[in-house]
Amino acid sequence: MNLLEEFKKNPGFVYRIGTDYYYIGKWICKPCTDEAVTDCHAMYEMCIQAKEQANAALYFQKLRAYSEFALDIPYNPAKILQYQTALVEALSDADIQSLTDQLRHFHDQAS
């Protein structure tokens, strides 16, 4: 899975990389430090692991909304691509696997 291509075609979402969180999508790439958002992501992950699909869907929608509210105006696609590229290039193999899994869950929830 090409992470950059996936990010460019998906709307914004919150992803966990190690212990850090990021808003990443076709219109956004920046760190997320808002505790309400990171707590929501933790609940989303717990619901997925517990196979509580209804609750996971609720937290998924919240994370999508948080990502929309975090957008920077004006939209700067070159800057976003630069940030996404730097982020992907710095990932460890474990981080790549984790993001790939998170993207699979994103697609499952989005469909």
PDB file of N, CA and C in Angstrom:
ATOM      1  N   MET A   1       0.849  -1.179   0.000  1.00  0.00           N
ATOM      2  CA  MET A   1       0.000   0.000   0.000  1.00  0.00           C
ATOM      3  C   MET A   1       0.894   1.241   0.000  1.00  0.00           C
ATOM      4  N   ASN A   2       0.669   2.127  -0.943  1.00  0.00           N
ATOM      5  CA  ASN A   2       1.415   3.376  -1.011  1.00  0.00           C
ATOM      6  C   ASN A   2       0.727   4.396  -0.101  1.00  0.00           C
ATOM      7  N   LEU A   3       1.360   4.701   1.008  1.00  0.00           N
ATOM      8  CA  LEU A   3       0.738   5.575   1.999  1.00  0.00           C
ATOM      9  C   LEU A   3       0.451   6.965   1.448  1.00  0.00           C
ATOM     10  N   LEU A   4       1.397   7.542   0.702  1.00  0.00           N
ATOM     11  CA  LEU A   4       1.168   8.881   0.153  1.00  0.00           C
ATOM     12  C   LEU A   4      -0.044   8.913  -0.762  1.00  0.00           C
ATOM     13  N   GLU A   5      -0.177   7.902  -1.608  1.00  0.00           N
ATOM     14  CA  GLU A   5      -1.333   7.845  -2.508  1.00  0.00           C
ATOM     15  C   GLU A   5      -2.628   7.695  -1.716  1.00  0.00           C
ATOM     16  N   GLU A   6      -2.591   6.886  -0.680  1.00  0.00           N
ATOM     17  CA  GLU A   6      -3.777   6.715   0.163  1.00  0.00           C
ATOM     18  C   GLU A   6      -4.158   8.028   0.840  1.00  0.00           C
ATOM     19  N   PHE A   7      -3.169   8.727   1.372  1.00  0.00           N
ATOM     20  CA  PHE A   7      -3.458   9.990   2.046  1.00  0.00           C
ATOM     21  C   PHE A   7      -4.030  11.017   1.072  1.00  0.00           C
ATOM     22  N   LYS A   8      -3.502  11.039  -0.154  1.00  0.00           N
ATOM     23  CA  LYS A   8      -3.956  12.024  -1.144  1.00  0.00           C
ATOM     24  C   LYS A   8      -5.391  11.794  -1.599  1.00  0.00           C
ATOM     25  N   LYS A   9      -5.888  10.578  -1.492  1.00  0.00           N
ATOM     26  CA  LYS A   9      -7.244  10.317  -1.983  1.00  0.00           C
ATOM     27  C   LYS A   9      -8.293  10.231  -0.870  1.00  0.00           C
ATOM     28  N   ASN A  10      -7.862  10.198   0.381  1.00  0.00           N
ATOM     29  CA  ASN A  10      -8.803  10.082   1.499  1.00  0.00           C
ATOM     30  C   ASN A  10      -9.021  11.427   2.177  1.00  0.00           C
ATOM     31  N   PRO A  11     -10.230  11.658   2.686  1.00  0.00           N
ATOM     32  CA  PRO A  11     -10.441  12.873   3.481  1.00  0.00           C
ATOM     33  C   PRO A  11      -9.653  12.779   4.785  1.00  0.00           C
ATOM     34  N   GLY A  12      -9.563  13.879   5.488  1.00  0.00           N
ATOM     35  CA  GLY A  12      -8.787  13.922   6.720  1.00  0.00           C
ATOM     36  C   GLY A  12      -9.293  12.970   7.789  1.00  0.00           C
ATOM     37  N   PHE A  13      -8.347  12.465   8.561  1.00  0.00           N
ATOM     38  CA  PHE A  13      -8.659  11.575   9.673  1.00  0.00           C
ATOM     39  C   PHE A  13      -7.517  11.694  10.673  1.00  0.00           C
ATOM     40  N   VAL A  14      -7.715  11.181  11.873  1.00  0.00           N
ATOM     41  CA  VAL A  14      -6.682  11.199  12.904  1.00  0.00           C
ATOM     42  C   VAL A  14      -6.027   9.825  12.944  1.00  0.00           C
ATOM     43  N   TYR A  15      -4.698   9.811  12.802  1.00  0.00           N
ATOM     44  CA  TYR A  15      -3.933   8.567  12.828  1.00  0.00           C
ATOM     45  C   TYR A  15      -2.925   8.630  13.967  1.00  0.00           C
ATOM     46  N   ARG A  16      -2.660   7.476  14.567  1.00  0.00           N
ATOM     47  CA  ARG A  16      -1.652   7.370  15.628  1.00  0.00           C
ATOM     48  C   ARG A  16      -0.389   6.790  15.032  1.00  0.00           C
ATOM     49  N   ILE A  17       0.715   7.479  15.255  1.00  0.00           N
ATOM     50  CA  ILE A  17       2.027   6.990  14.830  1.00  0.00           C
ATOM     51  C   ILE A  17       2.889   6.948  16.085  1.00  0.00           C
ATOM     52  N   GLY A  18       3.145   5.743  16.562  1.00  0.00           N
ATOM     53  CA  GLY A  18       3.848   5.597  17.838  1.00  0.00           C
ATOM     54  C   GLY A  18       2.982   6.159  18.946  1.00  0.00           C
ATOM     55  N   THR A  19       3.499   7.159  19.646  1.00  0.00           N
ATOM     56  CA  THR A  19       2.718   7.805  20.707  1.00  0.00           C
ATOM     57  C   THR A  19       2.162   9.160  20.273  1.00  0.00           C
ATOM     58  N   ASP A  20       2.383   9.516  19.021  1.00  0.00           N
ATOM     59  CA  ASP A  20       1.927  10.804  18.498  1.00  0.00           C
ATOM     60  C   ASP A  20       0.711  10.624  17.596  1.00  0.00           C
ATOM     61  N   TYR A  21      -0.056  11.689  17.478  1.00  0.00           N
ATOM     62  CA  TYR A  21      -1.263  11.676  16.648  1.00  0.00           C
ATOM     63  C   TYR A  21      -1.144  12.756  15.581  1.00  0.00           C
ATOM     64  N   TYR A  22      -1.707  12.459  14.413  1.00  0.00           N
ATOM     65  CA  TYR A  22      -1.647  13.395  13.291  1.00  0.00           C
ATOM     66  C   TYR A  22      -2.982  13.442  12.574  1.00  0.00           C
ATOM     67  N   TYR A  23      -3.329  14.643  12.122  1.00  0.00           N
ATOM     68  CA  TYR A  23      -4.417  14.802  11.165  1.00  0.00           C
ATOM     69  C   TYR A  23      -3.783  14.585   9.795  1.00  0.00           C
ATOM     70  N   ILE A  24      -4.266  13.606   9.032  1.00  0.00           N
ATOM     71  CA  ILE A  24      -3.690  13.334   7.713  1.00  0.00           C
ATOM     72  C   ILE A  24      -4.827  13.058   6.735  1.00  0.00           C
ATOM     73  N   GLY A  25      -4.704  13.632   5.548  1.00  0.00           N
ATOM     74  CA  GLY A  25      -5.667  13.399   4.484  1.00  0.00           C
ATOM     75  C   GLY A  25      -5.327  14.263   3.292  1.00  0.00           C
ATOM     76  N   LYS A  26      -6.204  14.284   2.304  1.00  0.00           N
ATOM     77  CA  LYS A  26      -5.888  15.020   1.082  1.00  0.00           C
ATOM     78  C   LYS A  26      -5.815  16.525   1.302  1.00  0.00           C
ATOM     79  N   TRP A  27      -6.404  17.049   2.376  1.00  0.00           N
ATOM     80  CA  TRP A  27      -6.376  18.487   2.628  1.00  0.00           C
ATOM     81  C   TRP A  27      -5.598  18.869   3.877  1.00  0.00           C
ATOM     82  N   ILE A  28      -4.957  17.889   4.527  1.00  0.00           N
ATOM     83  CA  ILE A  28      -4.352  18.193   5.828  1.00  0.00           C
ATOM     84  C   ILE A  28      -3.209  17.237   6.156  1.00  0.00           C
ATOM     85  N   CYS A  29      -2.215  17.756   6.847  1.00  0.00           N
ATOM     86  CA  CYS A  29      -1.158  16.936   7.444  1.00  0.00           C
ATOM     87  C   CYS A  29      -0.496  17.781   8.520  1.00  0.00           C
ATOM     88  N   LYS A  30      -0.866  17.501   9.759  1.00  0.00           N
ATOM     89  CA  LYS A  30      -0.262  18.236  10.866  1.00  0.00           C
ATOM     90  C   LYS A  30      -0.469  17.461  12.160  1.00  0.00           C
ATOM     91  N   PRO A  31       0.388  17.738  13.150  1.00  0.00           N
ATOM     92  CA  PRO A  31       0.260  17.050  14.434  1.00  0.00           C
ATOM     93  C   PRO A  31      -1.062  17.386  15.117  1.00  0.00           C
ATOM     94  N   CYS A  32      -1.533  16.454  15.897  1.00  0.00           N
ATOM     95  CA  CYS A  32      -2.750  16.630  16.689  1.00  0.00           C
ATOM     96  C   CYS A  32      -2.362  16.507  18.157  1.00  0.00           C
ATOM     97  N   THR A  33      -2.559  17.580  18.901  1.00  0.00           N
ATOM     98  CA  THR A  33      -2.216  17.565  20.326  1.00  0.00           C
ATOM     99  C   THR A  33      -3.430  17.831  21.214  1.00  0.00           C
ATOM    100  N   ASP A  34      -4.596  17.945  20.633  1.00  0.00           N
ATOM    101  CA  ASP A  34      -5.830  18.198  21.381  1.00  0.00           C
ATOM    102  C   ASP A  34      -6.216  16.931  22.147  1.00  0.00           C
ATOM    103  N   GLU A  35      -6.254  17.016  23.453  1.00  0.00           N
ATOM    104  CA  GLU A  35      -6.511  15.834  24.286  1.00  0.00           C
ATOM    105  C   GLU A  35      -7.884  15.216  24.027  1.00  0.00           C
ATOM    106  N   ALA A  36      -8.879  16.036  23.735  1.00  0.00           N
ATOM    107  CA  ALA A  36     -10.213  15.493  23.439  1.00  0.00           C
ATOM    108  C   ALA A  36     -10.163  14.621  22.188  1.00  0.00           C
ATOM    109  N   VAL A  37      -9.361  15.035  21.213  1.00  0.00           N
ATOM    110  CA  VAL A  37      -9.241  14.275  19.963  1.00  0.00           C
ATOM    111  C   VAL A  37      -8.460  12.987  20.192  1.00  0.00           C
ATOM    112  N   THR A  38      -7.354  13.071  20.906  1.00  0.00           N
ATOM    113  CA  THR A  38      -6.550  11.865  21.132  1.00  0.00           C
ATOM    114  C   THR A  38      -7.301  10.863  22.012  1.00  0.00           C
ATOM    115  N   ASP A  39      -8.084  11.349  22.968  1.00  0.00           N
ATOM    116  CA  ASP A  39      -8.922  10.449  23.772  1.00  0.00           C
ATOM    117  C   ASP A  39      -9.977   9.772  22.901  1.00  0.00           C
ATOM    118  N   CYS A  40     -10.555  10.532  21.983  1.00  0.00           N
ATOM    119  CA  CYS A  40     -11.546   9.977  21.056  1.00  0.00           C
ATOM    120  C   CYS A  40     -10.907   8.877  20.206  1.00  0.00           C
ATOM    121  N   HIS A  41      -9.666   9.100  19.780  1.00  0.00           N
ATOM    122  CA  HIS A  41      -8.968   8.092  18.979  1.00  0.00           C
ATOM    123  C   HIS A  41      -8.727   6.828  19.801  1.00  0.00           C
ATOM    124  N   ALA A  42      -8.358   7.002  21.059  1.00  0.00           N
ATOM    125  CA  ALA A  42      -8.148   5.835  21.928  1.00  0.00           C
ATOM    126  C   ALA A  42      -9.444   5.034  22.069  1.00  0.00           C
ATOM    127  N   MET A  43     -10.563   5.721  22.220  1.00  0.00           N
ATOM    128  CA  MET A  43     -11.859   5.034  22.313  1.00  0.00           C
ATOM    129  C   MET A  43     -12.185   4.330  20.996  1.00  0.00           C
ATOM    130  N   TYR A  44     -11.899   4.965  19.878  1.00  0.00           N
ATOM    131  CA  TYR A  44     -12.114   4.366  18.558  1.00  0.00           C
ATOM    132  C   TYR A  44     -11.334   3.054  18.440  1.00  0.00           C
ATOM    133  N   GLU A  45     -10.049   3.085  18.826  1.00  0.00           N
ATOM    134  CA  GLU A  45      -9.223   1.876  18.761  1.00  0.00           C
ATOM    135  C   GLU A  45      -9.767   0.776  19.678  1.00  0.00           C
ATOM    136  N   MET A  46     -10.205   1.145  20.877  1.00  0.00           N
ATOM    137  CA  MET A  46     -10.753   0.140  21.800  1.00  0.00           C
ATOM    138  C   MET A  46     -12.020  -0.490  21.231  1.00  0.00           C
ATOM    139  N   CYS A  47     -12.865   0.308  20.620  1.00  0.00           N
ATOM    140  CA  CYS A  47     -14.103  -0.225  20.029  1.00  0.00           C
ATOM    141  C   CYS A  47     -13.800  -1.169  18.870  1.00  0.00           C
ATOM    142  N   ILE A  48     -12.796  -0.840  18.069  1.00  0.00           N
ATOM    143  CA  ILE A  48     -12.411  -1.725  16.965  1.00  0.00           C
ATOM    144  C   ILE A  48     -11.924  -3.055  17.525  1.00  0.00           C
ATOM    145  N   GLN A  49     -11.045  -3.001  18.528  1.00  0.00           N
ATOM    146  CA  GLN A  49     -10.508  -4.234  19.097  1.00  0.00           C
ATOM    147  C   GLN A  49     -11.587  -5.070  19.770  1.00  0.00           C
ATOM    148  N   ALA A  50     -12.586  -4.410  20.356  1.00  0.00           N
ATOM    149  CA  ALA A  50     -13.681  -5.128  21.018  1.00  0.00           C
ATOM    150  C   ALA A  50     -14.774  -5.528  20.029  1.00  0.00           C
ATOM    151  N   LYS A  51     -14.579  -5.174  18.761  1.00  0.00           N
ATOM    152  CA  LYS A  51     -15.550  -5.470  17.695  1.00  0.00           C
ATOM    153  C   LYS A  51     -16.921  -4.859  17.987  1.00  0.00           C
ATOM    154  N   GLU A  52     -16.902  -3.675  18.576  1.00  0.00           N
ATOM    155  CA  GLU A  52     -18.126  -2.911  18.829  1.00  0.00           C
ATOM    156  C   GLU A  52     -18.319  -1.936  17.670  1.00  0.00           C
ATOM    157  N   GLN A  53     -18.862  -2.439  16.577  1.00  0.00           N
ATOM    158  CA  GLN A  53     -18.926  -1.669  15.337  1.00  0.00           C
ATOM    159  C   GLN A  53     -19.756  -0.392  15.454  1.00  0.00           C
ATOM    160  N   ALA A  54     -20.867  -0.441  16.166  1.00  0.00           N
ATOM    161  CA  ALA A  54     -21.712   0.753  16.288  1.00  0.00           C
ATOM    162  C   ALA A  54     -20.967   1.880  17.000  1.00  0.00           C
ATOM    163  N   ASN A  55     -20.279   1.544  18.089  1.00  0.00           N
ATOM    164  CA  ASN A  55     -19.511   2.558  18.809  1.00  0.00           C
ATOM    165  C   ASN A  55     -18.300   3.008  18.009  1.00  0.00           C
ATOM    166  N   ALA A  56     -17.649   2.082  17.313  1.00  0.00           N
ATOM    167  CA  ALA A  56     -16.512   2.452  16.466  1.00  0.00           C
ATOM    168  C   ALA A  56     -16.964   3.440  15.395  1.00  0.00           C
ATOM    169  N   ALA A  57     -18.138   3.216  14.825  1.00  0.00           N
ATOM    170  CA  ALA A  57     -18.664   4.119  13.791  1.00  0.00           C
ATOM    171  C   ALA A  57     -18.905   5.516  14.358  1.00  0.00           C
ATOM    172  N   LEU A  58     -19.394   5.595  15.575  1.00  0.00           N
ATOM    173  CA  LEU A  58     -19.614   6.887  16.221  1.00  0.00           C
ATOM    174  C   LEU A  58     -18.296   7.637  16.390  1.00  0.00           C
ATOM    175  N   TYR A  59     -17.281   6.963  16.931  1.00  0.00           N
ATOM    176  CA  TYR A  59     -15.981   7.607  17.130  1.00  0.00           C
ATOM    177  C   TYR A  59     -15.314   7.927  15.795  1.00  0.00           C
ATOM    178  N   PHE A  60     -15.522   7.096  14.793  1.00  0.00           N
ATOM    179  CA  PHE A  60     -14.998   7.364  13.452  1.00  0.00           C
ATOM    180  C   PHE A  60     -15.544   8.702  12.950  1.00  0.00           C
ATOM    181  N   GLN A  61     -16.843   8.905  13.059  1.00  0.00           N
ATOM    182  CA  GLN A  61     -17.456  10.152  12.590  1.00  0.00           C
ATOM    183  C   GLN A  61     -16.944  11.361  13.379  1.00  0.00           C
ATOM    184  N   LYS A  62     -16.731  11.185  14.669  1.00  0.00           N
ATOM    185  CA  LYS A  62     -16.176  12.276  15.473  1.00  0.00           C
ATOM    186  C   LYS A  62     -14.767  12.633  15.000  1.00  0.00           C
ATOM    187  N   LEU A  63     -13.952  11.608  14.735  1.00  0.00           N
ATOM    188  CA  LEU A  63     -12.579  11.856  14.282  1.00  0.00           C
ATOM    189  C   LEU A  63     -12.556  12.526  12.916  1.00  0.00           C
ATOM    190  N   ARG A  64     -13.487  12.144  12.050  1.00  0.00           N
ATOM    191  CA  ARG A  64     -13.601  12.808  10.742  1.00  0.00           C
ATOM    192  C   ARG A  64     -13.945  14.287  10.939  1.00  0.00           C
ATOM    193  N   ALA A  65     -14.882  14.565  11.834  1.00  0.00           N
ATOM    194  CA  ALA A  65     -15.286  15.952  12.093  1.00  0.00           C
ATOM    195  C   ALA A  65     -14.132  16.758  12.691  1.00  0.00           C
ATOM    196  N   TYR A  66     -13.430  16.181  13.667  1.00  0.00           N
ATOM    197  CA  TYR A  66     -12.279  16.878  14.238  1.00  0.00           C
ATOM    198  C   TYR A  66     -11.269  17.231  13.145  1.00  0.00           C
ATOM    199  N   SER A  67     -11.063  16.333  12.203  1.00  0.00           N
ATOM    200  CA  SER A  67     -10.110  16.579  11.115  1.00  0.00           C
ATOM    201  C   SER A  67     -10.562  17.732  10.230  1.00  0.00           C
ATOM    202  N   GLU A  68     -11.855  17.829   9.990  1.00  0.00           N
ATOM    203  CA  GLU A  68     -12.378  18.935   9.180  1.00  0.00           C
ATOM    204  C   GLU A  68     -12.188  20.266   9.905  1.00  0.00           C
ATOM    205  N   PHE A  69     -12.432  20.282  11.211  1.00  0.00           N
ATOM    206  CA  PHE A  69     -12.276  21.517  11.980  1.00  0.00           C
ATOM    207  C   PHE A  69     -10.813  21.947  12.095  1.00  0.00           C
ATOM    208  N   ALA A  70      -9.882  21.025  11.911  1.00  0.00           N
ATOM    209  CA  ALA A  70      -8.454  21.325  12.042  1.00  0.00           C
ATOM    210  C   ALA A  70      -7.833  21.850  10.748  1.00  0.00           C
ATOM    211  N   LEU A  71      -8.604  21.913   9.669  1.00  0.00           N
ATOM    212  CA  LEU A  71      -8.063  22.362   8.383  1.00  0.00           C
ATOM    213  C   LEU A  71      -7.507  23.776   8.483  1.00  0.00           C
ATOM    214  N   ASP A  72      -6.401  24.003   7.751  1.00  0.00           N
ATOM    215  CA  ASP A  72      -5.814  25.336   7.660  1.00  0.00           C
ATOM    216  C   ASP A  72      -6.313  26.005   6.386  1.00  0.00           C
ATOM    217  N   ILE A  73      -6.698  27.251   6.510  1.00  0.00           N
ATOM    218  CA  ILE A  73      -7.152  28.034   5.373  1.00  0.00           C
ATOM    219  C   ILE A  73      -6.130  29.151   5.190  1.00  0.00           C
ATOM    220  N   PRO A  74      -5.635  29.434   4.008  1.00  0.00           N
ATOM    221  CA  PRO A  74      -6.016  28.816   2.738  1.00  0.00           C
ATOM    222  C   PRO A  74      -5.337  27.465   2.543  1.00  0.00           C
ATOM    223  N   TYR A  75      -5.978  26.639   1.756  1.00  0.00           N
ATOM    224  CA  TYR A  75      -5.489  25.306   1.414  1.00  0.00           C
ATOM    225  C   TYR A  75      -4.202  25.433   0.611  1.00  0.00           C
ATOM    226  N   ASN A  76      -3.144  24.722   1.021  1.00  0.00           N
ATOM    227  CA  ASN A  76      -1.855  24.777   0.339  1.00  0.00           C
ATOM    228  C   ASN A  76      -1.412  23.349   0.014  1.00  0.00           C
ATOM    229  N   PRO A  77      -1.804  22.827  -1.170  1.00  0.00           N
ATOM    230  CA  PRO A  77      -1.503  21.426  -1.492  1.00  0.00           C
ATOM    231  C   PRO A  77      -0.013  21.100  -1.530  1.00  0.00           C
ATOM    232  N   ALA A  78       0.822  22.034  -1.972  1.00  0.00           N
ATOM    233  CA  ALA A  78       2.264  21.764  -2.033  1.00  0.00           C
ATOM    234  C   ALA A  78       2.837  21.574  -0.628  1.00  0.00           C
ATOM    235  N   LYS A  79       2.418  22.408   0.291  1.00  0.00           N
ATOM    236  CA  LYS A  79       2.897  22.308   1.675  1.00  0.00           C
ATOM    237  C   LYS A  79       2.412  21.010   2.327  1.00  0.00           C
ATOM    238  N   ILE A  80       1.161  20.650   2.074  1.00  0.00           N
ATOM    239  CA  ILE A  80       0.608  19.416   2.637  1.00  0.00           C
ATOM    240  C   ILE A  80       1.365  18.200   2.109  1.00  0.00           C
ATOM    241  N   LEU A  81       1.621  18.163   0.802  1.00  0.00           N
ATOM    242  CA  LEU A  81       2.379  17.056   0.213  1.00  0.00           C
ATOM    243  C   LEU A  81       3.790  17.000   0.791  1.00  0.00           C
ATOM    244  N   GLN A  82       4.406  18.153   0.987  1.00  0.00           N
ATOM    245  CA  GLN A  82       5.748  18.203   1.576  1.00  0.00           C
ATOM    246  C   GLN A  82       5.732  17.596   2.983  1.00  0.00           C
ATOM    247  N   TYR A  83       4.761  17.965   3.800  1.00  0.00           N
ATOM    248  CA  TYR A  83       4.649  17.424   5.156  1.00  0.00           C
ATOM    249  C   TYR A  83       4.371  15.923   5.134  1.00  0.00           C
ATOM    250  N   GLN A  84       3.471  15.490   4.250  1.00  0.00           N
ATOM    251  CA  GLN A  84       3.146  14.067   4.162  1.00  0.00           C
ATOM    252  C   GLN A  84       4.367  13.260   3.733  1.00  0.00           C
ATOM    253  N   THR A  85       5.102  13.768   2.757  1.00  0.00           N
ATOM    254  CA  THR A  85       6.294  13.068   2.267  1.00  0.00           C
ATOM    255  C   THR A  85       7.332  12.939   3.380  1.00  0.00           C
ATOM    256  N   ALA A  86       7.593  14.029   4.092  1.00  0.00           N
ATOM    257  CA  ALA A  86       8.565  13.992   5.193  1.00  0.00           C
ATOM    258  C   ALA A  86       8.113  13.021   6.282  1.00  0.00           C
ATOM    259  N   LEU A  87       6.831  13.017   6.578  1.00  0.00           N
ATOM    260  CA  LEU A  87       6.299  12.115   7.598  1.00  0.00           C
ATOM    261  C   LEU A  87       6.478  10.658   7.188  1.00  0.00           C
ATOM    262  N   VAL A  88       6.103  10.324   5.969  1.00  0.00           N
ATOM    263  CA  VAL A  88       6.200   8.938   5.482  1.00  0.00           C
ATOM    264  C   VAL A  88       7.656   8.484   5.413  1.00  0.00           C
ATOM    265  N   GLU A  89       8.547   9.363   4.969  1.00  0.00           N
ATOM    266  CA  GLU A  89       9.961   8.994   4.853  1.00  0.00           C
ATOM    267  C   GLU A  89      10.598   8.718   6.210  1.00  0.00           C
ATOM    268  N   ALA A  90      10.055   9.288   7.276  1.00  0.00           N
ATOM    269  CA  ALA A  90      10.623   9.105   8.615  1.00  0.00           C
ATOM    270  C   ALA A  90      10.038   7.904   9.358  1.00  0.00           C
ATOM    271  N   LEU A  91       9.084   7.205   8.757  1.00  0.00           N
ATOM    272  CA  LEU A  91       8.416   6.096   9.438  1.00  0.00           C
ATOM    273  C   LEU A  91       9.290   4.849   9.539  1.00  0.00           C
ATOM    274  N   SER A  92       9.180   4.168  10.659  1.00  0.00           N
ATOM    275  CA  SER A  92       9.820   2.860  10.813  1.00  0.00           C
ATOM    276  C   SER A  92       8.930   1.814  10.150  1.00  0.00           C
ATOM    277  N   ASP A  93       9.441   0.602  10.008  1.00  0.00           N
ATOM    278  CA  ASP A  93       8.626  -0.483   9.441  1.00  0.00           C
ATOM    279  C   ASP A  93       7.385  -0.741  10.295  1.00  0.00           C
ATOM    280  N   ALA A  94       7.543  -0.676  11.612  1.00  0.00           N
ATOM    281  CA  ALA A  94       6.399  -0.886  12.509  1.00  0.00           C
ATOM    282  C   ALA A  94       5.358   0.218  12.332  1.00  0.00           C
ATOM    283  N   ASP A  95       5.824   1.458  12.150  1.00  0.00           N
ATOM    284  CA  ASP A  95       4.899   2.573  11.923  1.00  0.00           C
ATOM    285  C   ASP A  95       4.146   2.398  10.610  1.00  0.00           C
ATOM    286  N   ILE A  96       4.847   1.948   9.583  1.00  0.00           N
ATOM    287  CA  ILE A  96       4.210   1.717   8.278  1.00  0.00           C
ATOM    288  C   ILE A  96       3.129   0.656   8.405  1.00  0.00           C
ATOM    289  N   GLN A  97       3.439  -0.421   9.117  1.00  0.00           N
ATOM    290  CA  GLN A  97       2.447  -1.483   9.309  1.00  0.00           C
ATOM    291  C   GLN A  97       1.242  -0.971  10.092  1.00  0.00           C
ATOM    292  N   SER A  98       1.502  -0.198  11.135  1.00  0.00           N
ATOM    293  CA  SER A  98       0.417   0.353  11.942  1.00  0.00           C
ATOM    294  C   SER A  98      -0.474   1.278  11.110  1.00  0.00           C
ATOM    295  N   LEU A  99       0.131   2.147  10.316  1.00  0.00           N
ATOM    296  CA  LEU A  99      -0.654   3.049   9.470  1.00  0.00           C
ATOM    297  C   LEU A  99      -1.437   2.283   8.412  1.00  0.00           C
ATOM    298  N   THR A 100      -0.839   1.253   7.859  1.00  0.00           N
ATOM    299  CA  THR A 100      -1.536   0.419   6.874  1.00  0.00           C
ATOM    300  C   THR A 100      -2.773  -0.209   7.505  1.00  0.00           C
ATOM    301  N   ASP A 101      -2.624  -0.720   8.722  1.00  0.00           N
ATOM    302  CA  ASP A 101      -3.767  -1.296   9.441  1.00  0.00           C
ATOM    303  C   ASP A 101      -4.830  -0.232   9.721  1.00  0.00           C
ATOM    304  N   GLN A 102      -4.397   0.952  10.140  1.00  0.00           N
ATOM    305  CA  GLN A 102      -5.346   2.025  10.423  1.00  0.00           C
ATOM    306  C   GLN A 102      -6.093   2.456   9.157  1.00  0.00           C
ATOM    307  N   LEU A 103      -5.393   2.482   8.030  1.00  0.00           N
ATOM    308  CA  LEU A 103      -6.054   2.827   6.767  1.00  0.00           C
ATOM    309  C   LEU A 103      -7.078   1.772   6.376  1.00  0.00           C
ATOM    310  N   ARG A 104      -6.779   0.505   6.653  1.00  0.00           N
ATOM    311  CA  ARG A 104      -7.763  -0.555   6.385  1.00  0.00           C
ATOM    312  C   ARG A 104      -9.027  -0.337   7.218  1.00  0.00           C
ATOM    313  N   HIS A 105      -8.834  -0.012   8.484  1.00  0.00           N
ATOM    314  CA  HIS A 105      -9.984   0.274   9.348  1.00  0.00           C
ATOM    315  C   HIS A 105     -10.735   1.510   8.849  1.00  0.00           C
ATOM    316  N   PHE A 106      -9.988   2.510   8.386  1.00  0.00           N
ATOM    317  CA  PHE A 106     -10.622   3.711   7.835  1.00  0.00           C
ATOM    318  C   PHE A 106     -11.538   3.333   6.672  1.00  0.00           C
ATOM    319  N   HIS A 107     -11.020   2.519   5.753  1.00  0.00           N
ATOM    320  CA  HIS A 107     -11.820   2.110   4.589  1.00  0.00           C
ATOM    321  C   HIS A 107     -13.026   1.270   5.003  1.00  0.00           C
ATOM    322  N   ASP A 108     -12.844   0.415   6.004  1.00  0.00           N
ATOM    323  CA  ASP A 108     -13.969  -0.392   6.497  1.00  0.00           C
ATOM    324  C   ASP A 108     -15.079   0.503   7.053  1.00  0.00           C
ATOM    325  N   GLN A 109     -14.692   1.515   7.816  1.00  0.00           N
ATOM    326  CA  GLN A 109     -15.685   2.409   8.421  1.00  0.00           C
ATOM    327  C   GLN A 109     -16.310   3.343   7.391  1.00  0.00           C
ATOM    328  N   ALA A 110     -15.506   3.785   6.427  1.00  0.00           N
ATOM    329  CA  ALA A 110     -15.995   4.751   5.436  1.00  0.00           C
ATOM    330  C   ALA A 110     -16.972   4.122   4.453  1.00  0.00           C
ATOM    331  N   SER A 111     -16.895   2.798   4.291  1.00  0.00           N
ATOM    332  CA  SER A 111     -17.779   2.156   3.298  1.00  0.00           C
ATOM    333  C   SER A 111     -19.083   1.685   3.889  1.00  0.00           C
TER     334      SER A 111
END
